[in-house]
Amino acid sequence: MSSKKAMKQAQKQAYAKHRSNITNSRFAIKKRNFNKNKKKN
């Protein structure tokens, strides 16, 4: 595998990880807020 190809793949993987972290954390925050509001009522 050429270094160029390896770099491209590494960047893709890092970006995919980054994207999934964003969606996961956003979902987790929503979940937490939902639970907080539930307890108030």
PDB file of N, CA and C in Angstrom:
ATOM      1  N   MET A   1       0.845  -1.201   0.000  1.00  0.00           N
ATOM      2  CA  MET A   1       0.000   0.000   0.000  1.00  0.00           C
ATOM      3  C   MET A   1       0.883   1.255   0.000  1.00  0.00           C
ATOM      4  N   SER A   2       0.577   2.168  -0.884  1.00  0.00           N
ATOM      5  CA  SER A   2       1.378   3.394  -0.939  1.00  0.00           C
ATOM      6  C   SER A   2       1.046   4.286   0.257  1.00  0.00           C
ATOM      7  N   SER A   3       1.981   5.142   0.617  1.00  0.00           N
ATOM      8  CA  SER A   3       1.763   6.000   1.780  1.00  0.00           C
ATOM      9  C   SER A   3       0.604   6.971   1.529  1.00  0.00           C
ATOM     10  N   LYS A   4       0.443   7.389   0.275  1.00  0.00           N
ATOM     11  CA  LYS A   4      -0.657   8.299  -0.053  1.00  0.00           C
ATOM     12  C   LYS A   4      -1.997   7.624   0.235  1.00  0.00           C
ATOM     13  N   LYS A   5      -2.093   6.373  -0.211  1.00  0.00           N
ATOM     14  CA  LYS A   5      -3.328   5.621  -0.018  1.00  0.00           C
ATOM     15  C   LYS A   5      -3.590   5.425   1.478  1.00  0.00           C
ATOM     16  N   ALA A   6      -2.531   5.113   2.212  1.00  0.00           N
ATOM     17  CA  ALA A   6      -2.662   4.872   3.646  1.00  0.00           C
ATOM     18  C   ALA A   6      -3.118   6.149   4.360  1.00  0.00           C
ATOM     19  N   MET A   7      -2.566   7.267   3.974  1.00  0.00           N
ATOM     20  CA  MET A   7      -2.942   8.541   4.587  1.00  0.00           C
ATOM     21  C   MET A   7      -4.411   8.850   4.333  1.00  0.00           C
ATOM     22  N   LYS A   8      -4.844   8.631   3.093  1.00  0.00           N
ATOM     23  CA  LYS A   8      -6.238   8.886   2.748  1.00  0.00           C
ATOM     24  C   LYS A   8      -7.168   8.033   3.595  1.00  0.00           C
ATOM     25  N   GLN A   9      -6.817   6.751   3.736  1.00  0.00           N
ATOM     26  CA  GLN A   9      -7.660   5.843   4.503  1.00  0.00           C
ATOM     27  C   GLN A   9      -7.695   6.252   5.974  1.00  0.00           C
ATOM     28  N   ALA A  10      -6.546   6.647   6.503  1.00  0.00           N
ATOM     29  CA  ALA A  10      -6.471   7.054   7.902  1.00  0.00           C
ATOM     30  C   ALA A  10      -7.334   8.290   8.136  1.00  0.00           C
ATOM     31  N   GLN A  11      -7.288   9.218   7.205  1.00  0.00           N
ATOM     32  CA  GLN A  11      -8.100  10.427   7.330  1.00  0.00           C
ATOM     33  C   GLN A  11      -9.581  10.085   7.307  1.00  0.00           C
ATOM     34  N   LYS A  12      -9.953   9.185   6.391  1.00  0.00           N
ATOM     35  CA  LYS A  12     -11.347   8.763   6.290  1.00  0.00           C
ATOM     36  C   LYS A  12     -11.819   8.149   7.598  1.00  0.00           C
ATOM     37  N   GLN A  13     -10.989   7.274   8.161  1.00  0.00           N
ATOM     38  CA  GLN A  13     -11.361   6.606   9.402  1.00  0.00           C
ATOM     39  C   GLN A  13     -11.503   7.618  10.536  1.00  0.00           C
ATOM     40  N   ALA A  14     -10.558   8.532  10.618  1.00  0.00           N
ATOM     41  CA  ALA A  14     -10.588   9.537  11.679  1.00  0.00           C
ATOM     42  C   ALA A  14     -11.839  10.392  11.545  1.00  0.00           C
ATOM     43  N   TYR A  15     -12.195  10.757  10.307  1.00  0.00           N
ATOM     44  CA  TYR A  15     -13.364  11.582  10.083  1.00  0.00           C
ATOM     45  C   TYR A  15     -14.632  10.830  10.454  1.00  0.00           C
ATOM     46  N   ALA A  16     -14.694   9.548  10.087  1.00  0.00           N
ATOM     47  CA  ALA A  16     -15.869   8.739  10.400  1.00  0.00           C
ATOM     48  C   ALA A  16     -16.037   8.628  11.914  1.00  0.00           C
ATOM     49  N   LYS A  17     -14.924   8.436  12.610  1.00  0.00           N
ATOM     50  CA  LYS A  17     -14.955   8.326  14.068  1.00  0.00           C
ATOM     51  C   LYS A  17     -15.455   9.642  14.655  1.00  0.00           C
ATOM     52  N   HIS A  18     -14.936  10.738  14.140  1.00  0.00           N
ATOM     53  CA  HIS A  18     -15.297  12.063  14.590  1.00  0.00           C
ATOM     54  C   HIS A  18     -16.795  12.304  14.403  1.00  0.00           C
ATOM     55  N   ARG A  19     -17.308  11.933  13.223  1.00  0.00           N
ATOM     56  CA  ARG A  19     -18.726  12.129  12.938  1.00  0.00           C
ATOM     57  C   ARG A  19     -19.591  11.305  13.894  1.00  0.00           C
ATOM     58  N   SER A  20     -19.213  10.055  14.116  1.00  0.00           N
ATOM     59  CA  SER A  20     -20.023   9.198  14.988  1.00  0.00           C
ATOM     60  C   SER A  20     -19.975   9.721  16.425  1.00  0.00           C
ATOM     61  N   ASN A  21     -18.839  10.283  16.830  1.00  0.00           N
ATOM     62  CA  ASN A  21     -18.743  10.836  18.177  1.00  0.00           C
ATOM     63  C   ASN A  21     -19.698  12.012  18.332  1.00  0.00           C
ATOM     64  N   ILE A  22     -19.779  12.852  17.306  1.00  0.00           N
ATOM     65  CA  ILE A  22     -20.663  14.012  17.351  1.00  0.00           C
ATOM     66  C   ILE A  22     -22.110  13.554  17.490  1.00  0.00           C
ATOM     67  N   THR A  23     -22.531  12.618  16.644  1.00  0.00           N
ATOM     68  CA  THR A  23     -23.929  12.179  16.691  1.00  0.00           C
ATOM     69  C   THR A  23     -24.216  11.462  18.001  1.00  0.00           C
ATOM     70  N   ASN A  24     -23.279  10.655  18.472  1.00  0.00           N
ATOM     71  CA  ASN A  24     -23.494   9.924  19.718  1.00  0.00           C
ATOM     72  C   ASN A  24     -23.607  10.877  20.902  1.00  0.00           C
ATOM     73  N   SER A  25     -22.721  11.859  20.978  1.00  0.00           N
ATOM     74  CA  SER A  25     -22.757  12.771  22.116  1.00  0.00           C
ATOM     75  C   SER A  25     -24.018  13.634  22.061  1.00  0.00           C
ATOM     76  N   ARG A  26     -24.432  14.019  20.873  1.00  0.00           N
ATOM     77  CA  ARG A  26     -25.641  14.826  20.745  1.00  0.00           C
ATOM     78  C   ARG A  26     -26.844  14.016  21.216  1.00  0.00           C
ATOM     79  N   PHE A  27     -26.869  12.738  20.834  1.00  0.00           N
ATOM     80  CA  PHE A  27     -27.967  11.865  21.232  1.00  0.00           C
ATOM     81  C   PHE A  27     -27.961  11.654  22.736  1.00  0.00           C
ATOM     82  N   ALA A  28     -26.782  11.496  23.297  1.00  0.00           N
ATOM     83  CA  ALA A  28     -26.662  11.267  24.742  1.00  0.00           C
ATOM     84  C   ALA A  28     -27.145  12.502  25.500  1.00  0.00           C
ATOM     85  N   ILE A  29     -26.812  13.675  25.014  1.00  0.00           N
ATOM     86  CA  ILE A  29     -27.231  14.918  25.675  1.00  0.00           C
ATOM     87  C   ILE A  29     -28.754  15.039  25.624  1.00  0.00           C
ATOM     88  N   LYS A  30     -29.328  14.739  24.471  1.00  0.00           N
ATOM     89  CA  LYS A  30     -30.785  14.784  24.325  1.00  0.00           C
ATOM     90  C   LYS A  30     -31.442  13.844  25.323  1.00  0.00           C
ATOM     91  N   LYS A  31     -30.873  12.640  25.420  1.00  0.00           N
ATOM     92  CA  LYS A  31     -31.419  11.630  26.325  1.00  0.00           C
ATOM     93  C   LYS A  31     -31.388  12.142  27.763  1.00  0.00           C
ATOM     94  N   ARG A  32     -30.241  12.749  28.129  1.00  0.00           N
ATOM     95  CA  ARG A  32     -30.072  13.240  29.492  1.00  0.00           C
ATOM     96  C   ARG A  32     -31.098  14.338  29.800  1.00  0.00           C
ATOM     97  N   ASN A  33     -31.266  15.262  28.857  1.00  0.00           N
ATOM     98  CA  ASN A  33     -32.212  16.348  29.063  1.00  0.00           C
ATOM     99  C   ASN A  33     -33.632  15.814  29.168  1.00  0.00           C
ATOM    100  N   PHE A  34     -33.929  14.812  28.371  1.00  0.00           N
ATOM    101  CA  PHE A  34     -35.254  14.217  28.382  1.00  0.00           C
ATOM    102  C   PHE A  34     -35.533  13.619  29.761  1.00  0.00           C
ATOM    103  N   ASN A  35     -34.553  12.937  30.337  1.00  0.00           N
ATOM    104  CA  ASN A  35     -34.725  12.340  31.656  1.00  0.00           C
ATOM    105  C   ASN A  35     -34.906  13.413  32.726  1.00  0.00           C
ATOM    106  N   LYS A  36     -34.176  14.494  32.609  1.00  0.00           N
ATOM    107  CA  LYS A  36     -34.282  15.591  33.567  1.00  0.00           C
ATOM    108  C   LYS A  36     -35.701  16.158  33.545  1.00  0.00           C
ATOM    109  N   ASN A  37     -36.215  16.408  32.337  1.00  0.00           N
ATOM    110  CA  ASN A  37     -37.552  16.986  32.220  1.00  0.00           C
ATOM    111  C   ASN A  37     -38.620  16.027  32.743  1.00  0.00           C
ATOM    112  N   LYS A  38     -38.393  14.749  32.565  1.00  0.00           N
ATOM    113  CA  LYS A  38     -39.351  13.746  33.016  1.00  0.00           C
ATOM    114  C   LYS A  38     -39.481  13.805  34.545  1.00  0.00           C
ATOM    115  N   LYS A  39     -38.344  13.938  35.226  1.00  0.00           N
ATOM    116  CA  LYS A  39     -38.336  13.925  36.690  1.00  0.00           C
ATOM    117  C   LYS A  39     -39.087  15.149  37.253  1.00  0.00           C
ATOM    118  N   LYS A  40     -38.980  16.285  36.591  1.00  0.00           N
ATOM    119  CA  LYS A  40     -39.640  17.514  37.051  1.00  0.00           C
ATOM    120  C   LYS A  40     -41.158  17.327  37.089  1.00  0.00           C
ATOM    121  N   ASN A  41     -41.684  16.731  36.022  1.00  0.00           N
ATOM    122  CA  ASN A  41     -43.142  16.534  35.948  1.00  0.00           C
ATOM    123  C   ASN A  41     -43.485  15.405  36.876  1.00  0.00           C
TER     124      ASN A  41
END
